[in-house]
Structure formats: C-alpha cells, structure tokens
PDB file of N, CA and C in Angstrom:
ATOM      1  N   MET A   1       0.828  -1.192   0.000  1.00  0.00           N
ATOM      2  CA  MET A   1       0.000   0.000   0.000  1.00  0.00           C
ATOM      3  C   MET A   1       0.871   1.254   0.000  1.00  0.00           C
ATOM      4  N   PRO A   2       0.488   2.253  -0.759  1.00  0.00           N
ATOM      5  CA  PRO A   2       1.244   3.506  -0.723  1.00  0.00           C
ATOM      6  C   PRO A   2       0.982   4.263   0.581  1.00  0.00           C
ATOM      7  N   LYS A   3       1.906   5.132   0.911  1.00  0.00           N
ATOM      8  CA  LYS A   3       1.739   5.947   2.105  1.00  0.00           C
ATOM      9  C   LYS A   3       0.629   6.968   1.880  1.00  0.00           C
ATOM     10  N   LEU A   4      -0.057   7.343   2.958  1.00  0.00           N
ATOM     11  CA  LEU A   4      -1.086   8.379   2.897  1.00  0.00           C
ATOM     12  C   LEU A   4      -0.437   9.730   3.141  1.00  0.00           C
ATOM     13  N   LYS A   5      -0.867  10.712   2.395  1.00  0.00           N
ATOM     14  CA  LYS A   5      -0.299  12.048   2.557  1.00  0.00           C
ATOM     15  C   LYS A   5      -1.100  12.846   3.577  1.00  0.00           C
ATOM     16  N   THR A   6      -0.379  13.633   4.366  1.00  0.00           N
ATOM     17  CA  THR A   6      -1.001  14.574   5.283  1.00  0.00           C
ATOM     18  C   THR A   6      -1.330  15.845   4.517  1.00  0.00           C
ATOM     19  N   LYS A   7      -2.527  16.394   4.750  1.00  0.00           N
ATOM     20  CA  LYS A   7      -2.888  17.668   4.108  1.00  0.00           C
ATOM     21  C   LYS A   7      -1.918  18.747   4.576  1.00  0.00           C
ATOM     22  N   SER A   8      -1.350  19.478   3.632  1.00  0.00           N
ATOM     23  CA  SER A   8      -0.311  20.442   3.997  1.00  0.00           C
ATOM     24  C   SER A   8      -0.880  21.593   4.822  1.00  0.00           C
ATOM     25  N   GLY A   9      -2.157  21.927   4.637  1.00  0.00           N
ATOM     26  CA  GLY A   9      -2.766  22.980   5.451  1.00  0.00           C
ATOM     27  C   GLY A   9      -2.887  22.586   6.908  1.00  0.00           C
ATOM     28  N   VAL A  10      -3.099  21.298   7.161  1.00  0.00           N
ATOM     29  CA  VAL A  10      -3.223  20.817   8.538  1.00  0.00           C
ATOM     30  C   VAL A  10      -1.872  20.893   9.240  1.00  0.00           C
ATOM     31  N   LYS A  11      -0.802  20.581   8.541  1.00  0.00           N
ATOM     32  CA  LYS A  11       0.530  20.663   9.130  1.00  0.00           C
ATOM     33  C   LYS A  11       0.836  22.076   9.599  1.00  0.00           C
ATOM     34  N   LYS A  12       0.377  23.061   8.834  1.00  0.00           N
ATOM     35  CA  LYS A  12       0.709  24.449   9.139  1.00  0.00           C
ATOM     36  C   LYS A  12      -0.182  25.038  10.234  1.00  0.00           C
ATOM     37  N   ARG A  13      -1.398  24.560  10.368  1.00  0.00           N
ATOM     38  CA  ARG A  13      -2.391  25.254  11.181  1.00  0.00           C
ATOM     39  C   ARG A  13      -2.709  24.624  12.526  1.00  0.00           C
ATOM     40  N   PHE A  14      -2.332  23.375  12.762  1.00  0.00           N
ATOM     41  CA  PHE A  14      -2.732  22.689  13.984  1.00  0.00           C
ATOM     42  C   PHE A  14      -1.539  22.075  14.699  1.00  0.00           C
ATOM     43  N   LYS A  15      -1.637  22.015  16.039  1.00  0.00           N
ATOM     44  CA  LYS A  15      -0.665  21.312  16.870  1.00  0.00           C
ATOM     45  C   LYS A  15      -1.438  20.383  17.788  1.00  0.00           C
ATOM     46  N   LEU A  16      -0.831  19.234  18.113  1.00  0.00           N
ATOM     47  CA  LEU A  16      -1.458  18.254  18.981  1.00  0.00           C
ATOM     48  C   LEU A  16      -0.983  18.470  20.412  1.00  0.00           C
ATOM     49  N   THR A  17      -1.925  18.497  21.367  1.00  0.00           N
ATOM     50  CA  THR A  17      -1.555  18.620  22.777  1.00  0.00           C
ATOM     51  C   THR A  17      -1.179  17.256  23.325  1.00  0.00           C
ATOM     52  N   ALA A  18      -0.690  17.225  24.546  1.00  0.00           N
ATOM     53  CA  ALA A  18      -0.265  15.963  25.157  1.00  0.00           C
ATOM     54  C   ALA A  18      -1.441  15.023  25.405  1.00  0.00           C
ATOM     55  N   THR A  19      -2.632  15.578  25.578  1.00  0.00           N
ATOM     56  CA  THR A  19      -3.810  14.744  25.824  1.00  0.00           C
ATOM     57  C   THR A  19      -4.540  14.368  24.542  1.00  0.00           C
ATOM     58  N   GLY A  20      -4.005  14.770  23.385  1.00  0.00           N
ATOM     59  CA  GLY A  20      -4.599  14.373  22.110  1.00  0.00           C
ATOM     60  C   GLY A  20      -5.577  15.368  21.524  1.00  0.00           C
ATOM     61  N   LYS A  21      -5.695  16.543  22.142  1.00  0.00           N
ATOM     62  CA  LYS A  21      -6.575  17.571  21.588  1.00  0.00           C
ATOM     63  C   LYS A  21      -5.805  18.393  20.567  1.00  0.00           C
ATOM     64  N   LEU A  22      -6.524  19.159  19.759  1.00  0.00           N
ATOM     65  CA  LEU A  22      -5.890  19.966  18.717  1.00  0.00           C
ATOM     66  C   LEU A  22      -5.974  21.448  19.063  1.00  0.00           C
ATOM     67  N   LYS A  23      -4.824  22.119  19.013  1.00  0.00           N
ATOM     68  CA  LYS A  23      -4.777  23.562  19.200  1.00  0.00           C
ATOM     69  C   LYS A  23      -4.774  24.238  17.836  1.00  0.00           C
ATOM     70  N   HIS A  24      -5.400  25.412  17.760  1.00  0.00           N
ATOM     71  CA  HIS A  24      -5.385  26.175  16.515  1.00  0.00           C
ATOM     72  C   HIS A  24      -5.428  27.657  16.837  1.00  0.00           C
ATOM     73  N   GLY A  25      -4.904  28.449  15.934  1.00  0.00           N
ATOM     74  CA  GLY A  25      -4.972  29.887  16.076  1.00  0.00           C
ATOM     75  C   GLY A  25      -6.362  30.377  15.721  1.00  0.00           C
ATOM     76  N   VAL A  26      -6.774  31.468  16.335  1.00  0.00           N
ATOM     77  CA  VAL A  26      -8.119  31.982  16.085  1.00  0.00           C
ATOM     78  C   VAL A  26      -8.142  32.815  14.808  1.00  0.00           C
ATOM     79  N   ALA A  27      -9.283  32.844  14.164  1.00  0.00           N
ATOM     80  CA  ALA A  27      -9.442  33.561  12.904  1.00  0.00           C
ATOM     81  C   ALA A  27      -9.809  35.020  13.161  1.00  0.00           C
ATOM     82  N   GLY A  28      -9.654  35.833  12.146  1.00  0.00           N
ATOM     83  CA  GLY A  28     -10.105  37.216  12.214  1.00  0.00           C
ATOM     84  C   GLY A  28      -9.099  38.168  12.824  1.00  0.00           C
ATOM     85  N   LYS A  29      -7.801  37.868  12.740  1.00  0.00           N
ATOM     86  CA  LYS A  29      -6.806  38.739  13.361  1.00  0.00           C
ATOM     87  C   LYS A  29      -5.726  39.190  12.377  1.00  0.00           C
ATOM     88  N   ARG A  30      -6.022  39.170  11.087  1.00  0.00           N
ATOM     89  CA  ARG A  30      -4.991  39.497  10.103  1.00  0.00           C
ATOM     90  C   ARG A  30      -5.045  40.959   9.656  1.00  0.00           C
ATOM     91  N   HIS A  31      -6.220  41.426   9.341  1.00  0.00           N
ATOM     92  CA  HIS A  31      -6.345  42.796   8.834  1.00  0.00           C
ATOM     93  C   HIS A  31      -7.725  43.316   9.205  1.00  0.00           C
ATOM     94  N   ARG A  32      -7.958  44.621   8.949  1.00  0.00           N
ATOM     95  CA  ARG A  32      -9.219  45.293   9.291  1.00  0.00           C
ATOM     96  C   ARG A  32      -9.507  45.231  10.790  1.00  0.00           C
ATOM     97  N   LEU A  33      -8.484  45.393  11.601  1.00  0.00           N
ATOM     98  CA  LEU A  33      -8.674  45.306  13.047  1.00  0.00           C
ATOM     99  C   LEU A  33      -9.225  46.603  13.637  1.00  0.00           C
ATOM    100  N   ILE A  34      -9.136  47.697  12.909  1.00  0.00           N
ATOM    101  CA  ILE A  34      -9.674  48.960  13.419  1.00  0.00           C
ATOM    102  C   ILE A  34     -11.193  48.887  13.512  1.00  0.00           C
ATOM    103  N   SER A  35     -11.819  48.148  12.608  1.00  0.00           N
ATOM    104  CA  SER A  35     -13.274  48.050  12.626  1.00  0.00           C
ATOM    105  C   SER A  35     -13.785  47.108  13.718  1.00  0.00           C
ATOM    106  N   HIS A  36     -12.890  46.326  14.364  1.00  0.00           N
ATOM    107  CA  HIS A  36     -13.295  45.469  15.470  1.00  0.00           C
ATOM    108  C   HIS A  36     -13.029  46.197  16.790  1.00  0.00           C
ATOM    109  N   ASN A  37     -13.858  45.903  17.782  1.00  0.00           N
ATOM    110  CA  ASN A  37     -13.644  46.552  19.073  1.00  0.00           C
ATOM    111  C   ASN A  37     -12.570  45.820  19.876  1.00  0.00           C
ATOM    112  N   GLY A  38     -12.153  46.446  20.975  1.00  0.00           N
ATOM    113  CA  GLY A  38     -11.059  45.908  21.761  1.00  0.00           C
ATOM    114  C   GLY A  38     -11.369  44.564  22.384  1.00  0.00           C
ATOM    115  N   LYS A  39     -12.618  44.358  22.774  1.00  0.00           N
ATOM    116  CA  LYS A  39     -13.002  43.078  23.390  1.00  0.00           C
ATOM    117  C   LYS A  39     -12.831  41.926  22.408  1.00  0.00           C
ATOM    118  N   TYR A  40     -13.200  42.147  21.160  1.00  0.00           N
ATOM    119  CA  TYR A  40     -13.059  41.111  20.119  1.00  0.00           C
ATOM    120  C   TYR A  40     -11.594  40.751  19.914  1.00  0.00           C
ATOM    121  N   ILE A  41     -10.742  41.759  19.872  1.00  0.00           N
ATOM    122  CA  ILE A  41      -9.311  41.534  19.641  1.00  0.00           C
ATOM    123  C   ILE A  41      -8.686  40.813  20.840  1.00  0.00           C
ATOM    124  N   ARG A  42      -9.066  41.203  22.058  1.00  0.00           N
ATOM    125  CA  ARG A  42      -8.533  40.551  23.258  1.00  0.00           C
ATOM    126  C   ARG A  42      -8.964  39.089  23.345  1.00  0.00           C
ATOM    127  N   GLN A  43     -10.214  38.818  23.077  1.00  0.00           N
ATOM    128  CA  GLN A  43     -10.727  37.454  23.230  1.00  0.00           C
ATOM    129  C   GLN A  43     -10.183  36.509  22.168  1.00  0.00           C
ATOM    130  N   ASN A  44      -9.731  37.031  21.043  1.00  0.00           N
ATOM    131  CA  ASN A  44      -9.190  36.192  19.982  1.00  0.00           C
ATOM    132  C   ASN A  44      -7.669  36.137  19.999  1.00  0.00           C
ATOM    133  N   ARG A  45      -7.070  36.457  21.130  1.00  0.00           N
ATOM    134  CA  ARG A  45      -5.623  36.413  21.271  1.00  0.00           C
ATOM    135  C   ARG A  45      -5.183  34.977  21.555  1.00  0.00           C
ATOM    136  N   GLY A  46      -4.041  34.589  21.063  1.00  0.00           N
ATOM    137  CA  GLY A  46      -3.488  33.285  21.392  1.00  0.00           C
ATOM    138  C   GLY A  46      -4.130  32.152  20.606  1.00  0.00           C
ATOM    139  N   THR A  47      -4.191  30.972  21.227  1.00  0.00           N
ATOM    140  CA  THR A  47      -4.719  29.787  20.569  1.00  0.00           C
ATOM    141  C   THR A  47      -5.892  29.236  21.375  1.00  0.00           C
ATOM    142  N   THR A  48      -6.707  28.405  20.717  1.00  0.00           N
ATOM    143  CA  THR A  48      -7.815  27.740  21.392  1.00  0.00           C
ATOM    144  C   THR A  48      -7.798  26.261  21.019  1.00  0.00           C
ATOM    145  N   VAL A  49      -8.558  25.479  21.751  1.00  0.00           N
ATOM    146  CA  VAL A  49      -8.663  24.045  21.487  1.00  0.00           C
ATOM    147  C   VAL A  49      -9.821  23.818  20.533  1.00  0.00           C
ATOM    148  N   LEU A  50      -9.587  22.988  19.540  1.00  0.00           N
ATOM    149  CA  LEU A  50     -10.603  22.688  18.540  1.00  0.00           C
ATOM    150  C   LEU A  50     -11.731  21.874  19.169  1.00  0.00           C
ATOM    151  N   SER A  51     -12.956  22.074  18.670  1.00  0.00           N
ATOM    152  CA  SER A  51     -14.100  21.345  19.216  1.00  0.00           C
ATOM    153  C   SER A  51     -13.978  19.854  18.926  1.00  0.00           C
ATOM    154  N   LYS A  52     -14.668  19.070  19.729  1.00  0.00           N
ATOM    155  CA  LYS A  52     -14.574  17.616  19.613  1.00  0.00           C
ATOM    156  C   LYS A  52     -15.116  17.140  18.267  1.00  0.00           C
ATOM    157  N   ALA A  53     -16.153  17.792  17.755  1.00  0.00           N
ATOM    158  CA  ALA A  53     -16.747  17.391  16.481  1.00  0.00           C
ATOM    159  C   ALA A  53     -15.785  17.602  15.320  1.00  0.00           C
ATOM    160  N   ASP A  54     -15.016  18.691  15.361  1.00  0.00           N
ATOM    161  CA  ASP A  54     -14.085  18.988  14.278  1.00  0.00           C
ATOM    162  C   ASP A  54     -12.768  18.220  14.411  1.00  0.00           C
ATOM    163  N   THR A  55     -12.452  17.761  15.608  1.00  0.00           N
ATOM    164  CA  THR A  55     -11.178  17.076  15.840  1.00  0.00           C
ATOM    165  C   THR A  55     -11.076  15.796  15.021  1.00  0.00           C
ATOM    166  N   ALA A  56     -12.174  15.042  14.928  1.00  0.00           N
ATOM    167  CA  ALA A  56     -12.142  13.789  14.172  1.00  0.00           C
ATOM    168  C   ALA A  56     -11.857  14.039  12.702  1.00  0.00           C
ATOM    169  N   THR A  57     -12.422  15.097  12.158  1.00  0.00           N
ATOM    170  CA  THR A  57     -12.202  15.431  10.751  1.00  0.00           C
ATOM    171  C   THR A  57     -10.754  15.804  10.503  1.00  0.00           C
ATOM    172  N   VAL A  58     -10.197  16.640  11.354  1.00  0.00           N
ATOM    173  CA  VAL A  58      -8.826  17.106  11.158  1.00  0.00           C
ATOM    174  C   VAL A  58      -7.837  15.967  11.359  1.00  0.00           C
ATOM    175  N   LYS A  59      -8.096  15.083  12.317  1.00  0.00           N
ATOM    176  CA  LYS A  59      -7.192  13.959  12.537  1.00  0.00           C
ATOM    177  C   LYS A  59      -7.199  12.985  11.346  1.00  0.00           C
ATOM    178  N   ALA A  60      -8.309  12.926  10.621  1.00  0.00           N
ATOM    179  CA  ALA A  60      -8.360  12.087   9.428  1.00  0.00           C
ATOM    180  C   ALA A  60      -7.467  12.661   8.327  1.00  0.00           C
ATOM    181  N   TRP A  61      -7.279  13.972   8.335  1.00  0.00           N
ATOM    182  CA  TRP A  61      -6.415  14.608   7.335  1.00  0.00           C
ATOM    183  C   TRP A  61      -4.946  14.456   7.681  1.00  0.00           C
ATOM    184  N   ALA A  62      -4.631  14.024   8.907  1.00  0.00           N
ATOM    185  CA  ALA A  62      -3.253  13.805   9.332  1.00  0.00           C
ATOM    186  C   ALA A  62      -3.138  12.354   9.790  1.00  0.00           C
ATOM    187  N   PRO A  63      -3.026  11.394   8.873  1.00  0.00           N
ATOM    188  CA  PRO A  63      -3.121   9.976   9.248  1.00  0.00           C
ATOM    189  C   PRO A  63      -2.004   9.495  10.160  1.00  0.00           C
ATOM    190  N   TYR A  64      -0.857  10.148  10.157  1.00  0.00           N
ATOM    191  CA  TYR A  64       0.262   9.714  11.000  1.00  0.00           C
ATOM    192  C   TYR A  64       0.497  10.639  12.172  1.00  0.00           C
ATOM    193  N   GLY A  65      -0.453  11.497  12.482  1.00  0.00           N
ATOM    194  CA  GLY A  65      -0.338  12.404  13.623  1.00  0.00           C
ATOM    195  C   GLY A  65       0.386  13.691  13.248  1.00  0.00           C
ATOM    196  N   LEU A  66       0.454  14.596  14.210  1.00  0.00           N
ATOM    197  CA  LEU A  66       1.117  15.876  14.038  1.00  0.00           C
ATOM    198  C   LEU A  66       2.233  15.997  15.054  1.00  0.00           C
ATOM    199  N   ASN A  67       3.312  16.687  14.703  1.00  0.00           N
ATOM    200  CA  ASN A  67       4.424  16.884  15.636  1.00  0.00           C
ATOM    201  C   ASN A  67       4.141  18.037  16.555  1.00  0.00           C
TER     202      ASN A  67
END
C-alpha cells in the first residue's frame, strides 16, 4: 500500500496537545482590526482548542499524527 499524505494545510495550522486535543490559532486577526472593538481583539488572542466534532475530521487529514 502507498503511504497516505497529510494535508499540507493541517501541518501548518494545527498542533497536537499531550492529551490528544488539537490547538489552533483563532481567525479574524490578520487585517481590518480597526473596525473590530477591543473586546473582540482581546478574546481572539493566542490559541484555542478545537471542538470535539471537528477534531475527528482534522485527525483524518493527518493519518500519521502531528508533531
């Protein structure tokens, strides 16, 4: 059987935690930040854990896991 390829977007956008959850950066922080209020910018700082429903989909795109 040939090897399965990992989606290159998944390699760039997600990290696996020690407990097997997926971390990802929050969206909406690249440009047009003046039109957003301060609370929106503060709450979208850093990374968040991906929801359980989406985790199964993303893990299928990375068949050999993520570093």
